[in-house]
C-alpha atoms as a PDB file:
ATOM      1  CA  UNK A   1      -6.155  65.362   3.730  1.00  0.00           C
ATOM      2  CA  UNK A   2      -8.490  64.014   1.410  1.00  0.00           C
ATOM      3  CA  UNK A   3      -6.865  63.874  -2.352  1.00  0.00           C
ATOM      4  CA  UNK A   4      -8.334  64.865  -5.262  1.00  0.00           C
ATOM      5  CA  UNK A   5      -8.403  62.112  -7.939  1.00  0.00           C
ATOM      6  CA  UNK A   6      -9.394  63.971 -11.031  1.00  0.00           C
ATOM      7  CA  UNK A   7      -7.048  63.234 -13.272  1.00  0.00           C
ATOM      8  CA  UNK A   8      -4.920  61.301 -11.611  1.00  0.00           C
ATOM      9  CA  UNK A   9      -3.515  57.629 -13.519  1.00  0.00           C
ATOM     10  CA  UNK A  10      -4.093  53.943 -12.286  1.00  0.00           C
ATOM     11  CA  UNK A  11      -3.443  50.764 -13.493  1.00  0.00           C
ATOM     12  CA  UNK A  12      -6.062  48.302 -12.149  1.00  0.00           C
ATOM     13  CA  UNK A  13      -4.613  44.682 -12.470  1.00  0.00           C
ATOM     14  CA  UNK A  14      -7.536  42.349 -13.439  1.00  0.00           C
ATOM     15  CA  UNK A  15      -9.108  45.125 -14.630  1.00  0.00           C
ATOM     16  CA  UNK A  16     -11.011  43.984 -17.348  1.00  0.00           C
ATOM     17  CA  UNK A  17     -13.823  41.924 -15.794  1.00  0.00           C
ATOM     18  CA  UNK A  18     -15.416  41.235 -11.859  1.00  0.00           C
ATOM     19  CA  UNK A  19     -13.919  43.502  -9.115  1.00  0.00           C
ATOM     20  CA  UNK A  20     -11.033  44.614 -11.405  1.00  0.00           C
ATOM     21  CA  UNK A  21     -13.391  45.808 -13.585  1.00  0.00           C
ATOM     22  CA  UNK A  22     -15.735  47.546 -10.826  1.00  0.00           C
ATOM     23  CA  UNK A  23     -12.751  49.238  -9.117  1.00  0.00           C
ATOM     24  CA  UNK A  24     -11.267  50.641 -12.677  1.00  0.00           C
ATOM     25  CA  UNK A  25     -14.738  52.020 -13.616  1.00  0.00           C
ATOM     26  CA  UNK A  26     -15.575  53.808  -9.828  1.00  0.00           C
ATOM     27  CA  UNK A  27     -11.871  55.358 -10.276  1.00  0.00           C
ATOM     28  CA  UNK A  28     -12.963  56.570 -13.475  1.00  0.00           C
ATOM     29  CA  UNK A  29     -16.036  57.860 -12.095  1.00  0.00           C
ATOM     30  CA  UNK A  30     -13.869  59.904  -9.583  1.00  0.00           C
ATOM     31  CA  UNK A  31     -12.133  61.570 -13.227  1.00  0.00           C
ATOM     32  CA  UNK A  32      -8.688  59.041 -12.947  1.00  0.00           C
ATOM     33  CA  UNK A  33      -7.496  57.921 -16.442  1.00  0.00           C
ATOM     34  CA  UNK A  34      -7.315  54.094 -16.349  1.00  0.00           C
ATOM     35  CA  UNK A  35      -4.843  51.489 -17.884  1.00  0.00           C
ATOM     36  CA  UNK A  36      -6.495  47.853 -17.512  1.00  0.00           C
ATOM     37  CA  UNK A  37      -4.438  45.083 -17.434  1.00  0.00           C
ATOM     38  CA  UNK A  38      -6.111  41.771 -18.471  1.00  0.00           C
ATOM     39  CA  UNK A  39      -4.814  38.157 -19.007  1.00  0.00           C
ATOM     40  CA  UNK A  40      -6.818  36.675 -21.484  1.00  0.00           C
ATOM     41  CA  UNK A  41     -10.120  38.399 -21.408  1.00  0.00           C
ATOM     42  CA  UNK A  42      -9.496  40.578 -24.780  1.00  0.00           C
ATOM     43  CA  UNK A  43     -12.878  40.623 -25.371  1.00  0.00           C
ATOM     44  CA  UNK A  44     -14.110  41.758 -21.714  1.00  0.00           C
ATOM     45  CA  UNK A  45     -10.765  44.550 -21.349  1.00  0.00           C
ATOM     46  CA  UNK A  46     -12.457  45.995 -24.622  1.00  0.00           C
ATOM     47  CA  UNK A  47     -15.561  46.679 -22.928  1.00  0.00           C
ATOM     48  CA  UNK A  48     -14.035  48.040 -19.999  1.00  0.00           C
ATOM     49  CA  UNK A  49     -12.410  50.349 -21.708  1.00  0.00           C
ATOM     50  CA  UNK A  50     -15.370  51.534 -23.399  1.00  0.00           C
ATOM     51  CA  UNK A  51     -17.320  51.647 -20.343  1.00  0.00           C
ATOM     52  CA  UNK A  52     -14.555  53.290 -18.331  1.00  0.00           C
ATOM     53  CA  UNK A  53     -14.215  56.387 -21.203  1.00  0.00           C
ATOM     54  CA  UNK A  54     -17.824  57.128 -20.980  1.00  0.00           C
ATOM     55  CA  UNK A  55     -17.080  58.728 -17.883  1.00  0.00           C
ATOM     56  CA  UNK A  56     -14.869  61.520 -19.916  1.00  0.00           C
ATOM     57  CA  UNK A  57     -11.325  59.849 -19.064  1.00  0.00           C
ATOM     58  CA  UNK A  58      -8.863  58.094 -20.722  1.00  0.00           C
ATOM     59  CA  UNK A  59      -8.417  54.281 -20.718  1.00  0.00           C
ATOM     60  CA  UNK A  60      -5.852  51.766 -22.140  1.00  0.00           C
ATOM     61  CA  UNK A  61      -5.496  48.091 -22.519  1.00  0.00           C
ATOM     62  CA  UNK A  62      -2.974  46.106 -22.061  1.00  0.00           C
ATOM     63  CA  UNK A  63      -2.435  42.129 -22.254  1.00  0.00           C
ATOM     64  CA  UNK A  64       0.015  40.555 -19.996  1.00  0.00           C
ATOM     65  CA  UNK A  65       0.685  36.955 -18.129  1.00  0.00           C
ATOM     66  CA  UNK A  66       1.916  37.749 -14.778  1.00  0.00           C
ATOM     67  CA  UNK A  67       2.868  34.973 -13.886  1.00  0.00           C
ATOM     68  CA  UNK A  68       5.867  35.554 -15.754  1.00  0.00           C
ATOM     69  CA  UNK A  69       8.044  38.507 -14.506  1.00  0.00           C
ATOM     70  CA  UNK A  70       8.809  39.838 -17.666  1.00  0.00           C
ATOM     71  CA  UNK A  71       5.142  40.755 -17.859  1.00  0.00           C
ATOM     72  CA  UNK A  72       5.528  43.541 -15.348  1.00  0.00           C
ATOM     73  CA  UNK A  73       8.099  45.250 -18.274  1.00  0.00           C
ATOM     74  CA  UNK A  74       4.970  45.071 -20.168  1.00  0.00           C
ATOM     75  CA  UNK A  75       2.393  46.923 -17.989  1.00  0.00           C
ATOM     76  CA  UNK A  76       4.845  49.756 -17.413  1.00  0.00           C
ATOM     77  CA  UNK A  77       6.143  50.437 -20.709  1.00  0.00           C
ATOM     78  CA  UNK A  78       2.508  50.855 -21.685  1.00  0.00           C
ATOM     79  CA  UNK A  79       1.985  53.267 -18.713  1.00  0.00           C
ATOM     80  CA  UNK A  80       5.053  55.052 -19.957  1.00  0.00           C
ATOM     81  CA  UNK A  81       4.009  55.298 -23.153  1.00  0.00           C
ATOM     82  CA  UNK A  82      -0.333  55.784 -23.392  1.00  0.00           C
ATOM     83  CA  UNK A  83      -0.139  58.275 -19.960  1.00  0.00           C
ATOM     84  CA  UNK A  84       3.762  59.343 -18.739  1.00  0.00           C
ATOM     85  CA  UNK A  85       2.667  59.092 -15.563  1.00  0.00           C
ATOM     86  CA  UNK A  86       1.518  56.877 -12.761  1.00  0.00           C
ATOM     87  CA  UNK A  87      -0.361  57.753  -9.291  1.00  0.00           C
ATOM     88  CA  UNK A  88      -2.469  54.589  -7.789  1.00  0.00           C
ATOM     89  CA  UNK A  89      -1.307  51.019  -8.457  1.00  0.00           C
ATOM     90  CA  UNK A  90      -4.077  48.399  -7.596  1.00  0.00           C
ATOM     91  CA  UNK A  91      -3.467  44.924  -7.579  1.00  0.00           C
ATOM     92  CA  UNK A  92      -6.467  42.726  -8.430  1.00  0.00           C
ATOM     93  CA  UNK A  93      -5.504  40.311 -10.576  1.00  0.00           C
ATOM     94  CA  UNK A  94      -5.285  36.672  -9.449  1.00  0.00           C
ATOM     95  CA  UNK A  95      -6.037  32.733  -9.517  1.00  0.00           C
ATOM     96  CA  UNK A  96      -8.493  30.997  -7.318  1.00  0.00           C
ATOM     97  CA  UNK A  97      -7.998  26.935  -7.051  1.00  0.00           C
ATOM     98  CA  UNK A  98     -10.180  24.987  -5.213  1.00  0.00           C
ATOM     99  CA  UNK A  99      -7.967  22.058  -3.767  1.00  0.00           C
ATOM    100  CA  UNK A 100      -7.079  20.654  -0.382  1.00  0.00           C
ATOM    101  CA  UNK A 101      -3.761  20.907   0.886  1.00  0.00           C
ATOM    102  CA  UNK A 102      -2.175  17.470  -0.185  1.00  0.00           C
ATOM    103  CA  UNK A 103      -3.740  17.242  -3.740  1.00  0.00           C
ATOM    104  CA  UNK A 104      -1.963  20.564  -4.587  1.00  0.00           C
ATOM    105  CA  UNK A 105       0.447  20.252  -7.177  1.00  0.00           C
ATOM    106  CA  UNK A 106       4.062  22.222  -7.539  1.00  0.00           C
ATOM    107  CA  UNK A 107       3.245  23.661 -10.479  1.00  0.00           C
ATOM    108  CA  UNK A 108      -0.541  24.719  -9.142  1.00  0.00           C
ATOM    109  CA  UNK A 109       1.820  26.174  -5.858  1.00  0.00           C
ATOM    110  CA  UNK A 110       3.947  28.021  -8.113  1.00  0.00           C
ATOM    111  CA  UNK A 111       1.656  29.435 -10.386  1.00  0.00           C
ATOM    112  CA  UNK A 112      -0.558  30.858  -7.435  1.00  0.00           C
ATOM    113  CA  UNK A 113       2.312  32.602  -6.311  1.00  0.00           C
ATOM    114  CA  UNK A 114       3.979  33.878  -9.253  1.00  0.00           C
ATOM    115  CA  UNK A 115       0.237  35.559  -9.992  1.00  0.00           C
ATOM    116  CA  UNK A 116      -0.671  36.307  -6.297  1.00  0.00           C
ATOM    117  CA  UNK A 117       2.602  37.590  -4.400  1.00  0.00           C
ATOM    118  CA  UNK A 118       5.292  37.790  -7.325  1.00  0.00           C
ATOM    119  CA  UNK A 119       3.620  39.975  -9.711  1.00  0.00           C
ATOM    120  CA  UNK A 120       2.305  41.891  -6.761  1.00  0.00           C
ATOM    121  CA  UNK A 121       6.133  42.700  -5.351  1.00  0.00           C
ATOM    122  CA  UNK A 122       7.471  43.422  -8.527  1.00  0.00           C
ATOM    123  CA  UNK A 123       4.973  45.786  -9.632  1.00  0.00           C
ATOM    124  CA  UNK A 124       5.354  47.274  -6.116  1.00  0.00           C
ATOM    125  CA  UNK A 125       8.872  47.988  -7.096  1.00  0.00           C
ATOM    126  CA  UNK A 126       8.177  49.256 -10.670  1.00  0.00           C
ATOM    127  CA  UNK A 127       4.859  51.563  -9.755  1.00  0.00           C
ATOM    128  CA  UNK A 128       7.319  53.011  -6.605  1.00  0.00           C
ATOM    129  CA  UNK A 129       9.892  53.836  -9.250  1.00  0.00           C
ATOM    130  CA  UNK A 130       7.540  55.295 -11.044  1.00  0.00           C
ATOM    131  CA  UNK A 131       5.487  57.211  -8.770  1.00  0.00           C
ATOM    132  CA  UNK A 132       8.343  59.016  -7.790  1.00  0.00           C
ATOM    133  CA  UNK A 133       9.693  59.895 -10.903  1.00  0.00           C
ATOM    134  CA  UNK A 134       6.393  61.300 -12.120  1.00  0.00           C
ATOM    135  CA  UNK A 135       4.986  62.888  -9.055  1.00  0.00           C
ATOM    136  CA  UNK A 136       6.908  64.430  -6.353  1.00  0.00           C
ATOM    137  CA  UNK A 137       3.636  63.846  -4.056  1.00  0.00           C
ATOM    138  CA  UNK A 138       3.688  60.198  -4.013  1.00  0.00           C
ATOM    139  CA  UNK A 139       0.934  57.636  -5.004  1.00  0.00           C
ATOM    140  CA  UNK A 140      -1.006  54.928  -3.750  1.00  0.00           C
ATOM    141  CA  UNK A 141      -0.620  51.392  -3.606  1.00  0.00           C
ATOM    142  CA  UNK A 142      -3.919  48.549  -2.970  1.00  0.00           C
ATOM    143  CA  UNK A 143      -3.198  45.219  -2.920  1.00  0.00           C
ATOM    144  CA  UNK A 144      -6.744  43.170  -2.749  1.00  0.00           C
ATOM    145  CA  UNK A 145      -6.777  40.603  -0.459  1.00  0.00           C
ATOM    146  CA  UNK A 146      -9.227  37.913   0.836  1.00  0.00           C
ATOM    147  CA  UNK A 147      -9.884  36.043   3.728  1.00  0.00           C
ATOM    148  CA  UNK A 148      -7.121  33.575   3.388  1.00  0.00           C
ATOM    149  CA  UNK A 149      -5.033  36.794   4.050  1.00  0.00           C
ATOM    150  CA  UNK A 150      -5.975  36.458   7.974  1.00  0.00           C
ATOM    151  CA  UNK A 151      -7.859  33.081   8.328  1.00  0.00           C
ATOM    152  CA  UNK A 152      -6.662  29.801   7.903  1.00  0.00           C
ATOM    153  CA  UNK A 153      -8.856  27.991   4.632  1.00  0.00           C
ATOM    154  CA  UNK A 154      -8.045  24.731   4.483  1.00  0.00           C
ATOM    155  CA  UNK A 155     -10.282  24.749   1.021  1.00  0.00           C
ATOM    156  CA  UNK A 156      -7.862  27.081  -0.765  1.00  0.00           C
ATOM    157  CA  UNK A 157      -4.234  26.550   0.819  1.00  0.00           C
ATOM    158  CA  UNK A 158      -1.961  27.856  -1.590  1.00  0.00           C
ATOM    159  CA  UNK A 159      -4.555  30.635  -2.665  1.00  0.00           C
ATOM    160  CA  UNK A 160      -4.711  31.390   0.735  1.00  0.00           C
ATOM    161  CA  UNK A 161      -1.089  31.270   1.960  1.00  0.00           C
ATOM    162  CA  UNK A 162      -0.339  33.621  -1.347  1.00  0.00           C
ATOM    163  CA  UNK A 163      -2.867  36.327   0.228  1.00  0.00           C
ATOM    164  CA  UNK A 164      -1.410  36.268   3.344  1.00  0.00           C
ATOM    165  CA  UNK A 165       2.094  36.547   2.031  1.00  0.00           C
ATOM    166  CA  UNK A 166       0.636  39.646   0.289  1.00  0.00           C
ATOM    167  CA  UNK A 167      -0.701  40.697   3.437  1.00  0.00           C
ATOM    168  CA  UNK A 168       2.170  40.558   4.734  1.00  0.00           C
ATOM    169  CA  UNK A 169       3.769  42.391   1.489  1.00  0.00           C
ATOM    170  CA  UNK A 170       1.347  45.005   2.313  1.00  0.00           C
ATOM    171  CA  UNK A 171       2.468  45.789   5.300  1.00  0.00           C
ATOM    172  CA  UNK A 172       6.218  45.933   5.185  1.00  0.00           C
ATOM    173  CA  UNK A 173       5.928  47.860   2.007  1.00  0.00           C
ATOM    174  CA  UNK A 174       3.494  50.544   3.955  1.00  0.00           C
ATOM    175  CA  UNK A 175       6.336  50.540   6.883  1.00  0.00           C
ATOM    176  CA  UNK A 176       9.230  51.094   4.021  1.00  0.00           C
ATOM    177  CA  UNK A 177       7.977  53.050   0.977  1.00  0.00           C
ATOM    178  CA  UNK A 178       6.773  56.295   3.160  1.00  0.00           C
ATOM    179  CA  UNK A 179       6.297  58.945   3.375  1.00  0.00           C
ATOM    180  CA  UNK A 180       5.494  59.605  -0.691  1.00  0.00           C
ATOM    181  CA  UNK A 181       4.159  56.292  -1.217  1.00  0.00           C
ATOM    182  CA  UNK A 182       0.830  54.747   0.568  1.00  0.00           C
ATOM    183  CA  UNK A 183       0.518  51.108   1.110  1.00  0.00           C
ATOM    184  CA  UNK A 184      -2.784  49.420   1.939  1.00  0.00           C
ATOM    185  CA  UNK A 185      -5.220  46.113   1.180  1.00  0.00           C
ATOM    186  CA  UNK A 186      -9.086  45.662   0.841  1.00  0.00           C
ATOM    187  CA  UNK A 187     -10.547  42.348   2.288  1.00  0.00           C
ATOM    188  CA  UNK A 188     -13.749  41.611   0.288  1.00  0.00           C
ATOM    189  CA  UNK A 189     -16.019  38.927   1.376  1.00  0.00           C
ATOM    190  CA  UNK A 190     -19.036  37.740  -0.451  1.00  0.00           C
ATOM    191  CA  UNK A 191     -19.705  40.480  -2.944  1.00  0.00           C
ATOM    192  CA  UNK A 192     -19.640  38.262  -6.096  1.00  0.00           C
ATOM    193  CA  UNK A 193     -20.977  34.642  -6.798  1.00  0.00           C
ATOM    194  CA  UNK A 194     -17.009  32.421  -7.502  1.00  0.00           C
ATOM    195  CA  UNK A 195     -16.637  32.277 -11.045  1.00  0.00           C
ATOM    196  CA  UNK A 196     -17.352  29.108 -12.701  1.00  0.00           C
ATOM    197  CA  UNK A 197     -20.349  27.948 -10.476  1.00  0.00           C
ATOM    198  CA  UNK A 198     -23.767  27.567 -11.222  1.00  0.00           C
ATOM    199  CA  UNK A 199     -24.876  28.906  -7.945  1.00  0.00           C
ATOM    200  CA  UNK A 200     -28.417  30.412  -8.668  1.00  0.00           C
ATOM    201  CA  UNK A 201     -29.396  33.868  -6.917  1.00  0.00           C
ATOM    202  CA  UNK A 202     -31.897  32.516  -3.908  1.00  0.00           C
ATOM    203  CA  UNK A 203     -28.395  29.742  -3.024  1.00  0.00           C
ATOM    204  CA  UNK A 204     -26.227  33.309  -3.535  1.00  0.00           C
ATOM    205  CA  UNK A 205     -28.267  35.536  -0.976  1.00  0.00           C
ATOM    206  CA  UNK A 206     -28.472  32.369   1.475  1.00  0.00           C
ATOM    207  CA  UNK A 207     -24.568  32.580   1.681  1.00  0.00           C
ATOM    208  CA  UNK A 208     -24.888  36.002   3.221  1.00  0.00           C
ATOM    209  CA  UNK A 209     -27.410  35.241   5.164  1.00  0.00           C
ATOM    210  CA  UNK A 210     -25.732  32.194   6.908  1.00  0.00           C
ATOM    211  CA  UNK A 211     -22.406  34.098   6.846  1.00  0.00           C
ATOM    212  CA  UNK A 212     -22.638  37.547   7.427  1.00  0.00           C
ATOM    213  CA  UNK A 213     -23.992  39.297  10.608  1.00  0.00           C
ATOM    214  CA  UNK A 214     -26.052  42.122   8.197  1.00  0.00           C
ATOM    215  CA  UNK A 215     -27.460  38.943   6.508  1.00  0.00           C
ATOM    216  CA  UNK A 216     -27.019  39.606   2.805  1.00  0.00           C
ATOM    217  CA  UNK A 217     -23.964  39.446   0.307  1.00  0.00           C
ATOM    218  CA  UNK A 218     -22.395  42.410  -0.900  1.00  0.00           C
ATOM    219  CA  UNK A 219     -21.143  43.658  -4.521  1.00  0.00           C
ATOM    220  CA  UNK A 220     -18.110  44.610  -6.433  1.00  0.00           C
ATOM    221  CA  UNK A 221     -18.981  48.407  -6.192  1.00  0.00           C
ATOM    222  CA  UNK A 222     -18.746  47.921  -2.424  1.00  0.00           C
ATOM    223  CA  UNK A 223     -14.678  46.873  -3.243  1.00  0.00           C
ATOM    224  CA  UNK A 224     -14.552  49.407  -4.802  1.00  0.00           C
ATOM    225  CA  UNK A 225     -15.710  52.186  -3.792  1.00  0.00           C
ATOM    226  CA  UNK A 226     -12.957  51.123  -0.393  1.00  0.00           C
ATOM    227  CA  UNK A 227     -10.827  51.123  -2.958  1.00  0.00           C
ATOM    228  CA  UNK A 228     -11.175  54.933  -4.164  1.00  0.00           C
ATOM    229  CA  UNK A 229     -11.642  55.662  -0.768  1.00  0.00           C
ATOM    230  CA  UNK A 230      -8.272  54.198   0.578  1.00  0.00           C
ATOM    231  CA  UNK A 231      -6.417  56.042  -2.604  1.00  0.00           C
ATOM    232  CA  UNK A 232      -8.017  59.190  -1.493  1.00  0.00           C
ATOM    233  CA  UNK A 233      -7.154  59.591   2.171  1.00  0.00           C
ATOM    234  CA  UNK A 234      -3.255  60.619   2.620  1.00  0.00           C
ATOM    235  CA  UNK A 235      -3.137  59.564   6.379  1.00  0.00           C
ATOM    236  CA  UNK A 236      -4.491  55.799   6.073  1.00  0.00           C
ATOM    237  CA  UNK A 237      -1.336  53.643   5.620  1.00  0.00           C
ATOM    238  CA  UNK A 238      -0.883  49.557   6.179  1.00  0.00           C
ATOM    239  CA  UNK A 239      -4.283  48.486   6.868  1.00  0.00           C
ATOM    240  CA  UNK A 240      -6.400  46.693   5.443  1.00  0.00           C
ATOM    241  CA  UNK A 241     -10.217  47.383   5.431  1.00  0.00           C
ATOM    242  CA  UNK A 242     -12.793  44.330   5.537  1.00  0.00           C
ATOM    243  CA  UNK A 243     -15.548  44.669   2.794  1.00  0.00           C
ATOM    244  CA  UNK A 244     -17.414  41.559   4.253  1.00  0.00           C
ATOM    245  CA  UNK A 245     -20.620  42.528   6.000  1.00  0.00           C
ATOM    246  CA  UNK A 246     -19.149  41.868   9.266  1.00  0.00           C
ATOM    247  CA  UNK A 247     -17.866  38.000   7.908  1.00  0.00           C
ATOM    248  CA  UNK A 248     -15.076  37.738   9.693  1.00  0.00           C
ATOM    249  CA  UNK A 249     -16.481  38.260  13.425  1.00  0.00           C
ATOM    250  CA  UNK A 250     -18.031  34.756  12.685  1.00  0.00           C
ATOM    251  CA  UNK A 251     -15.587  32.840  11.354  1.00  0.00           C
END
């Protein structure tokens, strides 16, 4: 059965910019009220909240450093106080460091695991408790994965390992939290230029031509629609949708 998302409440971590913002806006377009979590992007968060409200739904932004466990309580206190309930949790916040394996420091390893894995684990626990308390029908948790979840990625070793662990957390959660909570993942491919690069539009287009069977890049909105789909379909659980133009077929 397709779930009507109108008037549901969602948290989107890392929702102030890039793919997280696209997810927040797509859910808002479907009538969902949004709590936008952000780390340091205060101005972007303000703009995102304004854009969300343009769809006629409510939105609220909360700052929290999710590399620290106490940030989870900050996020869920804000949800409780502003909305009083929760239906959808999207774990989009992530760090993404390029290193070779032997150059990764212990500090970088621990920070990556804290943001990409531990925060997701703690948020899964907190989101489940709140969903069960406020909505007897349960809810949906959606984790944003990437190539590292299923394919060795030597250029991003600690990042890839954290996402592989997040994919296993997704599956274990899906197997453990039913029948009322569904947990799924989305694996984006080339949908947005990597942050901090000076890649031209032509160079970016060539990435899609070389790495995907459809021979083009996608967009953050492609990922956002997949998230909304998973939130609205009540018989999909424990799966990950590739949103990458078939890139995984050529790895």
